[in-house]
Each structure stands twice: as C-alpha cells, then as structure tokens.
C-alpha cells in the first residue's frame, strides 16, 4: 500500500450521520474533491448505503470469516471490505480533517514554518505527521506563499529572453564579420579585375 488512508468510520459519520455532501469530503480531508470521491467509492460509502464500524468488521474478519462472506453479510463488495480492512491495518499516518481539532496544520503554524522559518514542504510534513500532499494543499488553500520568491514561470521566461538576446548578439556579430569579409574580398578582386 502507498500513502495513507482516511478512516472509514469518520467518512461514514460525515456522509451518513452528519449529511455532509460527498463533494465536501475531500475538502474536509484537506485534499481535492476528486480524492474525497475516490475514497468514498473505494470504501463503498453512500448516504443510504450499508453501515458498519471498523471494529466490528475487523472483529468478524479476525474470527475467521472470509472477506466474501463479510461482503455478502454487510451488503458491500469484496473490494470495499478489503479496502476497509486495509485501512484498519495501516494507520501509521492518517488524513487530518481541515480545520479540525486534530489538524496538525492550522494556518498560523503553517505560515510560521513555511514563510518565517523557510522550511521545505517535506520537512513540514515530517514534523507535523502530515503528508507532503496535505501540506501543499493547505498552502494553496490558505494562500500562503513565501514573499520575494520569484515565480518559476517568470524565471524561465527571463532566462529564455536572455538566451534570445545572446543569440541575437551572436547573429549580429556574425553578420558584421560576413559583411566585412565580403567587402575585403570585393576590394581585392576589384583591382585585379581592372588589369
């Protein structure tokens, strides 16, 4: 498995109990709308769909119930049961709801680490227990940027302009040299042609 997984119980609570629209789940996770939709689909969580807790699911699976039997019993697909079990087994990192009480990246802290201290995204993620992606999303969402830092696109344009100017200067020198060479040749030929 790559990356971290959101807690299915939390997603289920938001969608089924609190009535959070699926389009808002990604933002609550601190990620994009598409990622929120993807996790709801992987866990087969819908407002009117079947509900179960992670503890109940893991308990039944640990007692020897096969995934296919659990899926049939709960009204889920075997793939959704497998995804939920994977989420229960791997909890080294988790998604932190944006602005929630356990959000490790409130705007003030993020501004302090990124702008004032100048830490890179990876270092901020390591220190706060978040992912690089969560840090970048929040920087964008909160509109946090380092002042005085050149825009990479503008920097590339400036380099391209400088290269064009150097090339233009080289072309102009080459034309001057060619013109001088032609003039020298024509003056050498002129007297010899007259004799």
C-alpha atoms as a PDB file:
ATOM      1  CA  UNK A   1       0.000   0.000   0.000  1.00  0.00           C
ATOM      2  CA  UNK A   2       1.239   3.524  -0.818  1.00  0.00           C
ATOM      3  CA  UNK A   3       0.425   6.608   1.206  1.00  0.00           C
ATOM      4  CA  UNK A   4      -2.112   6.876   3.971  1.00  0.00           C
ATOM      5  CA  UNK A   5      -5.811   6.136   4.191  1.00  0.00           C
ATOM      6  CA  UNK A   6      -8.663   8.097   5.732  1.00  0.00           C
ATOM      7  CA  UNK A   7     -10.674   6.447   8.497  1.00  0.00           C
ATOM      8  CA  UNK A   8     -13.791   4.780   7.008  1.00  0.00           C
ATOM      9  CA  UNK A   9     -15.692   5.343  10.275  1.00  0.00           C
ATOM     10  CA  UNK A  10     -15.061   9.080  10.027  1.00  0.00           C
ATOM     11  CA  UNK A  11     -16.139   9.244   6.375  1.00  0.00           C
ATOM     12  CA  UNK A  12     -19.216   7.177   7.180  1.00  0.00           C
ATOM     13  CA  UNK A  13     -20.075   9.505  10.073  1.00  0.00           C
ATOM     14  CA  UNK A  14     -19.767  12.577   7.868  1.00  0.00           C
ATOM     15  CA  UNK A  15     -21.817  11.239   4.974  1.00  0.00           C
ATOM     16  CA  UNK A  16     -24.389   9.049   6.747  1.00  0.00           C
ATOM     17  CA  UNK A  17     -24.923  10.777  10.095  1.00  0.00           C
ATOM     18  CA  UNK A  18     -23.987  14.412   9.555  1.00  0.00           C
ATOM     19  CA  UNK A  19     -25.228  14.600   5.953  1.00  0.00           C
ATOM     20  CA  UNK A  20     -22.025  16.049   4.530  1.00  0.00           C
ATOM     21  CA  UNK A  21     -22.309  16.092   0.724  1.00  0.00           C
ATOM     22  CA  UNK A  22     -19.769  13.819  -0.993  1.00  0.00           C
ATOM     23  CA  UNK A  23     -18.405  16.867  -2.826  1.00  0.00           C
ATOM     24  CA  UNK A  24     -17.245  18.330   0.524  1.00  0.00           C
ATOM     25  CA  UNK A  25     -15.488  15.208   1.841  1.00  0.00           C
ATOM     26  CA  UNK A  26     -12.220  15.923   0.001  1.00  0.00           C
ATOM     27  CA  UNK A  27     -12.032  19.442   1.437  1.00  0.00           C
ATOM     28  CA  UNK A  28     -12.689  18.122   4.946  1.00  0.00           C
ATOM     29  CA  UNK A  29      -9.792  15.707   4.489  1.00  0.00           C
ATOM     30  CA  UNK A  30      -7.595  18.570   3.351  1.00  0.00           C
ATOM     31  CA  UNK A  31      -7.422  17.144  -0.159  1.00  0.00           C
ATOM     32  CA  UNK A  32      -9.121  17.645  -3.503  1.00  0.00           C
ATOM     33  CA  UNK A  33     -12.749  16.871  -4.272  1.00  0.00           C
ATOM     34  CA  UNK A  34     -11.693  14.033  -6.600  1.00  0.00           C
ATOM     35  CA  UNK A  35      -9.703  12.314  -3.836  1.00  0.00           C
ATOM     36  CA  UNK A  36     -12.693  12.563  -1.493  1.00  0.00           C
ATOM     37  CA  UNK A  37     -14.949  10.946  -4.094  1.00  0.00           C
ATOM     38  CA  UNK A  38     -12.356   8.241  -4.734  1.00  0.00           C
ATOM     39  CA  UNK A  39     -12.178   7.229  -1.049  1.00  0.00           C
ATOM     40  CA  UNK A  40     -15.957   7.146  -0.718  1.00  0.00           C
ATOM     41  CA  UNK A  41     -16.107   4.894  -3.765  1.00  0.00           C
ATOM     42  CA  UNK A  42     -13.302   2.616  -2.566  1.00  0.00           C
ATOM     43  CA  UNK A  43     -14.991   2.142   0.814  1.00  0.00           C
ATOM     44  CA  UNK A  44     -18.489   1.983  -0.791  1.00  0.00           C
ATOM     45  CA  UNK A  45     -19.804   4.721   1.480  1.00  0.00           C
ATOM     46  CA  UNK A  46     -23.054   6.342   0.389  1.00  0.00           C
ATOM     47  CA  UNK A  47     -25.718   8.254   2.309  1.00  0.00           C
ATOM     48  CA  UNK A  48     -28.232   5.406   2.077  1.00  0.00           C
ATOM     49  CA  UNK A  49     -25.765   2.552   1.843  1.00  0.00           C
ATOM     50  CA  UNK A  50     -24.854  -0.178   4.323  1.00  0.00           C
ATOM     51  CA  UNK A  51     -23.069   0.867   7.519  1.00  0.00           C
ATOM     52  CA  UNK A  52     -20.594  -0.912   9.733  1.00  0.00           C
ATOM     53  CA  UNK A  53     -17.837   0.091  12.113  1.00  0.00           C
ATOM     54  CA  UNK A  54     -14.198  -0.755  11.621  1.00  0.00           C
ATOM     55  CA  UNK A  55     -14.083  -2.572  14.980  1.00  0.00           C
ATOM     56  CA  UNK A  56     -16.998  -4.825  14.026  1.00  0.00           C
ATOM     57  CA  UNK A  57     -15.517  -5.522  10.610  1.00  0.00           C
ATOM     58  CA  UNK A  58     -12.051  -6.344  11.944  1.00  0.00           C
ATOM     59  CA  UNK A  59     -13.534  -8.460  14.752  1.00  0.00           C
ATOM     60  CA  UNK A  60     -15.556 -10.615  12.348  1.00  0.00           C
ATOM     61  CA  UNK A  61     -12.606 -10.957   9.959  1.00  0.00           C
ATOM     62  CA  UNK A  62     -10.186 -11.810  12.810  1.00  0.00           C
ATOM     63  CA  UNK A  63     -12.535 -14.574  13.963  1.00  0.00           C
ATOM     64  CA  UNK A  64     -12.068 -16.287  10.606  1.00  0.00           C
ATOM     65  CA  UNK A  65     -14.965 -15.016   8.477  1.00  0.00           C
ATOM     66  CA  UNK A  66     -13.772 -14.811   4.844  1.00  0.00           C
ATOM     67  CA  UNK A  67     -13.909 -11.458   3.057  1.00  0.00           C
ATOM     68  CA  UNK A  68     -16.503 -12.724   0.569  1.00  0.00           C
ATOM     69  CA  UNK A  69     -18.814 -13.829   3.403  1.00  0.00           C
ATOM     70  CA  UNK A  70     -18.375 -10.479   5.167  1.00  0.00           C
ATOM     71  CA  UNK A  71     -19.152  -8.657   1.942  1.00  0.00           C
ATOM     72  CA  UNK A  72     -22.347 -10.653   1.384  1.00  0.00           C
ATOM     73  CA  UNK A  73     -23.422 -10.198   5.015  1.00  0.00           C
ATOM     74  CA  UNK A  74     -22.816  -6.430   5.016  1.00  0.00           C
ATOM     75  CA  UNK A  75     -24.064  -5.695   1.506  1.00  0.00           C
ATOM     76  CA  UNK A  76     -20.669  -4.448   0.353  1.00  0.00           C
ATOM     77  CA  UNK A  77     -18.401  -5.569  -2.446  1.00  0.00           C
ATOM     78  CA  UNK A  78     -15.409  -7.750  -1.520  1.00  0.00           C
ATOM     79  CA  UNK A  79     -13.140  -4.963  -2.812  1.00  0.00           C
ATOM     80  CA  UNK A  80     -14.761  -2.434  -0.407  1.00  0.00           C
ATOM     81  CA  UNK A  81     -14.360  -4.832   2.526  1.00  0.00           C
ATOM     82  CA  UNK A  82     -10.722  -5.365   1.564  1.00  0.00           C
ATOM     83  CA  UNK A  83     -10.139  -1.580   1.393  1.00  0.00           C
ATOM     84  CA  UNK A  84     -11.725  -1.063   4.810  1.00  0.00           C
ATOM     85  CA  UNK A  85      -9.648  -3.867   6.323  1.00  0.00           C
ATOM     86  CA  UNK A  86      -6.517  -2.346   4.803  1.00  0.00           C
ATOM     87  CA  UNK A  87      -7.413   0.973   6.416  1.00  0.00           C
ATOM     88  CA  UNK A  88      -7.786  -0.768   9.788  1.00  0.00           C
ATOM     89  CA  UNK A  89      -4.415  -2.479   9.479  1.00  0.00           C
ATOM     90  CA  UNK A  90      -2.407   0.527   8.276  1.00  0.00           C
ATOM     91  CA  UNK A  91      -2.727   3.567  10.493  1.00  0.00           C
ATOM     92  CA  UNK A  92       0.800   4.947  10.607  1.00  0.00           C
ATOM     93  CA  UNK A  93      -0.372   8.206   9.035  1.00  0.00           C
ATOM     94  CA  UNK A  94      -3.899   9.358   8.648  1.00  0.00           C
ATOM     95  CA  UNK A  95      -5.835  12.116   6.992  1.00  0.00           C
ATOM     96  CA  UNK A  96      -6.494  15.106   9.187  1.00  0.00           C
ATOM     97  CA  UNK A  97      -9.767  16.961   8.620  1.00  0.00           C
ATOM     98  CA  UNK A  98      -9.082  20.507   7.503  1.00  0.00           C
ATOM     99  CA  UNK A  99      -9.525  22.876  10.427  1.00  0.00           C
ATOM    100  CA  UNK A 100     -10.473  20.042  12.806  1.00  0.00           C
ATOM    101  CA  UNK A 101      -9.256  19.845  16.393  1.00  0.00           C
ATOM    102  CA  UNK A 102      -6.539  17.328  15.485  1.00  0.00           C
ATOM    103  CA  UNK A 103      -5.484  19.141  12.291  1.00  0.00           C
ATOM    104  CA  UNK A 104      -1.681  19.366  12.599  1.00  0.00           C
ATOM    105  CA  UNK A 105      -1.519  22.225  10.089  1.00  0.00           C
ATOM    106  CA  UNK A 106      -3.538  25.264  11.211  1.00  0.00           C
ATOM    107  CA  UNK A 107      -2.854  28.342   9.064  1.00  0.00           C
ATOM    108  CA  UNK A 108      -0.794  30.165  11.706  1.00  0.00           C
ATOM    109  CA  UNK A 109       1.559  27.224  12.286  1.00  0.00           C
ATOM    110  CA  UNK A 110       1.886  26.581   8.555  1.00  0.00           C
ATOM    111  CA  UNK A 111       2.659  30.245   7.900  1.00  0.00           C
ATOM    112  CA  UNK A 112       5.288  30.193  10.674  1.00  0.00           C
ATOM    113  CA  UNK A 113       7.003  27.033   9.409  1.00  0.00           C
ATOM    114  CA  UNK A 114       6.840  27.791   5.691  1.00  0.00           C
ATOM    115  CA  UNK A 115       7.225  31.576   5.476  1.00  0.00           C
ATOM    116  CA  UNK A 116       9.026  32.697   8.630  1.00  0.00           C
ATOM    117  CA  UNK A 117      11.320  29.695   9.156  1.00  0.00           C
ATOM    118  CA  UNK A 118      11.593  28.813   5.457  1.00  0.00           C
ATOM    119  CA  UNK A 119      11.190  25.057   5.932  1.00  0.00           C
ATOM    120  CA  UNK A 120      10.587  22.934   2.818  1.00  0.00           C
ATOM    121  CA  UNK A 121       7.282  21.096   2.374  1.00  0.00           C
ATOM    122  CA  UNK A 122       8.804  17.686   3.140  1.00  0.00           C
ATOM    123  CA  UNK A 123      10.267  18.912   6.444  1.00  0.00           C
ATOM    124  CA  UNK A 124       6.931  20.436   7.484  1.00  0.00           C
ATOM    125  CA  UNK A 125       5.180  17.152   6.670  1.00  0.00           C
ATOM    126  CA  UNK A 126       7.703  15.174   8.720  1.00  0.00           C
ATOM    127  CA  UNK A 127       7.456  17.484  11.729  1.00  0.00           C
ATOM    128  CA  UNK A 128       3.658  17.559  11.781  1.00  0.00           C
ATOM    129  CA  UNK A 129       2.871  13.946  10.862  1.00  0.00           C
ATOM    130  CA  UNK A 130       1.076  15.015   7.678  1.00  0.00           C
ATOM    131  CA  UNK A 131       1.836  14.115   4.071  1.00  0.00           C
ATOM    132  CA  UNK A 132       3.588  16.348   1.525  1.00  0.00           C
ATOM    133  CA  UNK A 133       0.330  16.495  -0.391  1.00  0.00           C
ATOM    134  CA  UNK A 134      -1.604  17.725   2.650  1.00  0.00           C
ATOM    135  CA  UNK A 135       0.963  20.464   3.247  1.00  0.00           C
ATOM    136  CA  UNK A 136       0.879  21.626  -0.391  1.00  0.00           C
ATOM    137  CA  UNK A 137      -2.934  21.559  -0.440  1.00  0.00           C
ATOM    138  CA  UNK A 138      -3.177  23.682   2.689  1.00  0.00           C
ATOM    139  CA  UNK A 139      -0.559  26.154   1.410  1.00  0.00           C
ATOM    140  CA  UNK A 140      -2.670  26.607  -1.686  1.00  0.00           C
ATOM    141  CA  UNK A 141      -5.986  26.630   0.201  1.00  0.00           C
ATOM    142  CA  UNK A 142      -4.806  29.234   2.738  1.00  0.00           C
ATOM    143  CA  UNK A 143      -2.989  31.309   0.076  1.00  0.00           C
ATOM    144  CA  UNK A 144       0.369  31.040   1.843  1.00  0.00           C
ATOM    145  CA  UNK A 145       3.471  31.838  -0.231  1.00  0.00           C
ATOM    146  CA  UNK A 146       6.996  32.974   0.535  1.00  0.00           C
ATOM    147  CA  UNK A 147       7.435  36.704  -0.155  1.00  0.00           C
ATOM    148  CA  UNK A 148      10.079  37.847  -2.602  1.00  0.00           C
ATOM    149  CA  UNK A 149      10.430  34.460  -4.172  1.00  0.00           C
ATOM    150  CA  UNK A 150      10.422  34.615  -7.980  1.00  0.00           C
ATOM    151  CA  UNK A 151       7.696  32.804  -9.785  1.00  0.00           C
ATOM    152  CA  UNK A 152       9.270  29.779 -11.530  1.00  0.00           C
ATOM    153  CA  UNK A 153       7.417  30.640 -14.746  1.00  0.00           C
ATOM    154  CA  UNK A 154       8.706  34.222 -14.732  1.00  0.00           C
ATOM    155  CA  UNK A 155      12.224  32.964 -14.040  1.00  0.00           C
ATOM    156  CA  UNK A 156      12.028  30.631 -17.045  1.00  0.00           C
ATOM    157  CA  UNK A 157      10.766  33.460 -19.269  1.00  0.00           C
ATOM    158  CA  UNK A 158      13.619  35.708 -18.111  1.00  0.00           C
ATOM    159  CA  UNK A 159      16.176  33.013 -18.916  1.00  0.00           C
ATOM    160  CA  UNK A 160      14.621  32.467 -22.351  1.00  0.00           C
ATOM    161  CA  UNK A 161      14.738  36.210 -23.099  1.00  0.00           C
ATOM    162  CA  UNK A 162      18.395  36.360 -22.078  1.00  0.00           C
ATOM    163  CA  UNK A 163      19.197  33.420 -24.361  1.00  0.00           C
ATOM    164  CA  UNK A 164      17.397  35.112 -27.256  1.00  0.00           C
ATOM    165  CA  UNK A 165      19.329  38.340 -26.673  1.00  0.00           C
ATOM    166  CA  UNK A 166      22.640  36.419 -26.610  1.00  0.00           C
ATOM    167  CA  UNK A 167      21.674  34.627 -29.810  1.00  0.00           C
ATOM    168  CA  UNK A 168      20.668  37.938 -31.443  1.00  0.00           C
ATOM    169  CA  UNK A 169      24.008  39.489 -30.466  1.00  0.00           C
ATOM    170  CA  UNK A 170      25.836  36.476 -31.908  1.00  0.00           C
ATOM    171  CA  UNK A 171      23.859  36.744 -35.160  1.00  0.00           C
ATOM    172  CA  UNK A 172      24.603  40.474 -35.389  1.00  0.00           C
ATOM    173  CA  UNK A 173      28.361  39.862 -34.862  1.00  0.00           C
ATOM    174  CA  UNK A 174      28.297  37.100 -37.457  1.00  0.00           C
ATOM    175  CA  UNK A 175      26.586  39.395 -39.985  1.00  0.00           C
ATOM    176  CA  UNK A 176      29.157  42.128 -39.317  1.00  0.00           C
ATOM    177  CA  UNK A 177      32.032  39.683 -39.832  1.00  0.00           C
ATOM    178  CA  UNK A 178      30.464  38.310 -43.026  1.00  0.00           C
ATOM    179  CA  UNK A 179      29.893  41.813 -44.375  1.00  0.00           C
ATOM    180  CA  UNK A 180      33.499  42.782 -43.593  1.00  0.00           C
ATOM    181  CA  UNK A 181      34.767  39.593 -45.236  1.00  0.00           C
ATOM    182  CA  UNK A 182      32.710  40.270 -48.385  1.00  0.00           C
ATOM    183  CA  UNK A 183      33.918  43.852 -48.505  1.00  0.00           C
ATOM    184  CA  UNK A 184      37.546  42.715 -48.196  1.00  0.00           C
ATOM    185  CA  UNK A 185      37.099  40.149 -50.965  1.00  0.00           C
ATOM    186  CA  UNK A 186      35.393  42.609 -53.268  1.00  0.00           C
ATOM    187  CA  UNK A 187      38.167  45.200 -52.790  1.00  0.00           C
ATOM    188  CA  UNK A 188      40.807  42.552 -53.534  1.00  0.00           C
ATOM    189  CA  UNK A 189      39.015  41.467 -56.701  1.00  0.00           C
ATOM    190  CA  UNK A 190      38.307  44.937 -57.985  1.00  0.00           C
ATOM    191  CA  UNK A 191      41.925  45.995 -58.658  1.00  0.00           C
ATOM    192  CA  UNK A 192      42.837  42.659 -60.164  1.00  0.00           C
ATOM    193  CA  UNK A 193      39.811  42.694 -62.424  1.00  0.00           C
ATOM    194  CA  UNK A 194      40.786  46.141 -63.755  1.00  0.00           C
ATOM    195  CA  UNK A 195      44.234  44.972 -65.038  1.00  0.00           C
END
